[in-house]
């Protein structure tokens, strides 16, 4: 999910969020863990990641 809000003609704020729920086993037979890029894998089967950016164009 993401949202982009323009503060002015050249400046905006961007918000992004993601959620993952993993289930099953991996190729080695172990329980899977959630892994969303760009952060490291979770220690359990679910993970949430968020990012906020302020962009200004010159």
C-alpha atoms as a PDB file:
ATOM      1  CA  UNK A   1       0.000   0.000   0.000  1.00  0.00           C
ATOM      2  CA  UNK A   2       1.266   3.501  -0.678  1.00  0.00           C
ATOM      3  CA  UNK A   3       0.148   7.098  -0.662  1.00  0.00           C
ATOM      4  CA  UNK A   4       1.625  10.301  -2.108  1.00  0.00           C
ATOM      5  CA  UNK A   5       0.561  13.724  -0.806  1.00  0.00           C
ATOM      6  CA  UNK A   6       1.683  16.918  -2.553  1.00  0.00           C
ATOM      7  CA  UNK A   7       2.527  19.710  -0.119  1.00  0.00           C
ATOM      8  CA  UNK A   8       3.321  22.100  -2.986  1.00  0.00           C
ATOM      9  CA  UNK A   9       4.105  21.981  -6.703  1.00  0.00           C
ATOM     10  CA  UNK A  10       7.644  20.665  -6.023  1.00  0.00           C
ATOM     11  CA  UNK A  11       7.375  18.983  -2.602  1.00  0.00           C
ATOM     12  CA  UNK A  12       5.529  15.836  -1.589  1.00  0.00           C
ATOM     13  CA  UNK A  13       5.376  13.262   1.190  1.00  0.00           C
ATOM     14  CA  UNK A  14       5.283   9.567   0.336  1.00  0.00           C
ATOM     15  CA  UNK A  15       4.128   6.797   2.700  1.00  0.00           C
ATOM     16  CA  UNK A  16       4.481   3.099   1.954  1.00  0.00           C
ATOM     17  CA  UNK A  17       3.532   0.066   4.054  1.00  0.00           C
ATOM     18  CA  UNK A  18       3.667  -3.667   3.559  1.00  0.00           C
ATOM     19  CA  UNK A  19       2.609  -6.736   5.548  1.00  0.00           C
ATOM     20  CA  UNK A  20       3.494 -10.379   5.015  1.00  0.00           C
ATOM     21  CA  UNK A  21       2.180 -13.576   6.653  1.00  0.00           C
ATOM     22  CA  UNK A  22       4.208 -16.638   5.653  1.00  0.00           C
ATOM     23  CA  UNK A  23       3.147 -20.261   6.081  1.00  0.00           C
ATOM     24  CA  UNK A  24       4.554 -23.698   5.336  1.00  0.00           C
ATOM     25  CA  UNK A  25       8.127 -24.975   5.189  1.00  0.00           C
ATOM     26  CA  UNK A  26      11.175 -23.886   3.191  1.00  0.00           C
ATOM     27  CA  UNK A  27      13.356 -26.089   0.934  1.00  0.00           C
ATOM     28  CA  UNK A  28      15.310 -27.379   3.966  1.00  0.00           C
ATOM     29  CA  UNK A  29      12.159 -28.467   5.816  1.00  0.00           C
ATOM     30  CA  UNK A  30      12.250 -25.663   8.393  1.00  0.00           C
ATOM     31  CA  UNK A  31       9.279 -23.435   9.206  1.00  0.00           C
ATOM     32  CA  UNK A  32       9.238 -20.369   6.954  1.00  0.00           C
ATOM     33  CA  UNK A  33       9.835 -16.824   8.185  1.00  0.00           C
ATOM     34  CA  UNK A  34       8.536 -13.594   6.676  1.00  0.00           C
ATOM     35  CA  UNK A  35      11.099 -11.637   4.644  1.00  0.00           C
ATOM     36  CA  UNK A  36      10.228  -8.267   3.096  1.00  0.00           C
ATOM     37  CA  UNK A  37      12.904  -6.344   1.187  1.00  0.00           C
ATOM     38  CA  UNK A  38      14.859  -4.087   2.132  1.00  0.00           C
ATOM     39  CA  UNK A  39      14.958  -5.200   5.786  1.00  0.00           C
ATOM     40  CA  UNK A  40      16.241  -8.475   7.229  1.00  0.00           C
ATOM     41  CA  UNK A  41      14.017 -11.501   7.649  1.00  0.00           C
ATOM     42  CA  UNK A  42      11.700 -11.713  10.619  1.00  0.00           C
ATOM     43  CA  UNK A  43      12.240 -14.227  13.413  1.00  0.00           C
ATOM     44  CA  UNK A  44       8.642 -15.422  13.029  1.00  0.00           C
ATOM     45  CA  UNK A  45       6.018 -15.908  10.316  1.00  0.00           C
ATOM     46  CA  UNK A  46       4.808 -12.284  10.037  1.00  0.00           C
ATOM     47  CA  UNK A  47       6.418  -8.940   9.301  1.00  0.00           C
ATOM     48  CA  UNK A  48       5.383  -5.301   8.763  1.00  0.00           C
ATOM     49  CA  UNK A  49       7.495  -2.646   7.039  1.00  0.00           C
ATOM     50  CA  UNK A  50       6.779   1.085   6.622  1.00  0.00           C
ATOM     51  CA  UNK A  51       8.618   3.946   4.956  1.00  0.00           C
ATOM     52  CA  UNK A  52       8.053   7.704   4.895  1.00  0.00           C
ATOM     53  CA  UNK A  53       9.837  10.030   2.453  1.00  0.00           C
ATOM     54  CA  UNK A  54       9.867  13.772   1.914  1.00  0.00           C
ATOM     55  CA  UNK A  55      10.770  14.702  -1.662  1.00  0.00           C
ATOM     56  CA  UNK A  56      11.644  18.171  -2.929  1.00  0.00           C
ATOM     57  CA  UNK A  57      12.444  18.802  -6.597  1.00  0.00           C
ATOM     58  CA  UNK A  58      14.963  21.532  -7.436  1.00  0.00           C
END
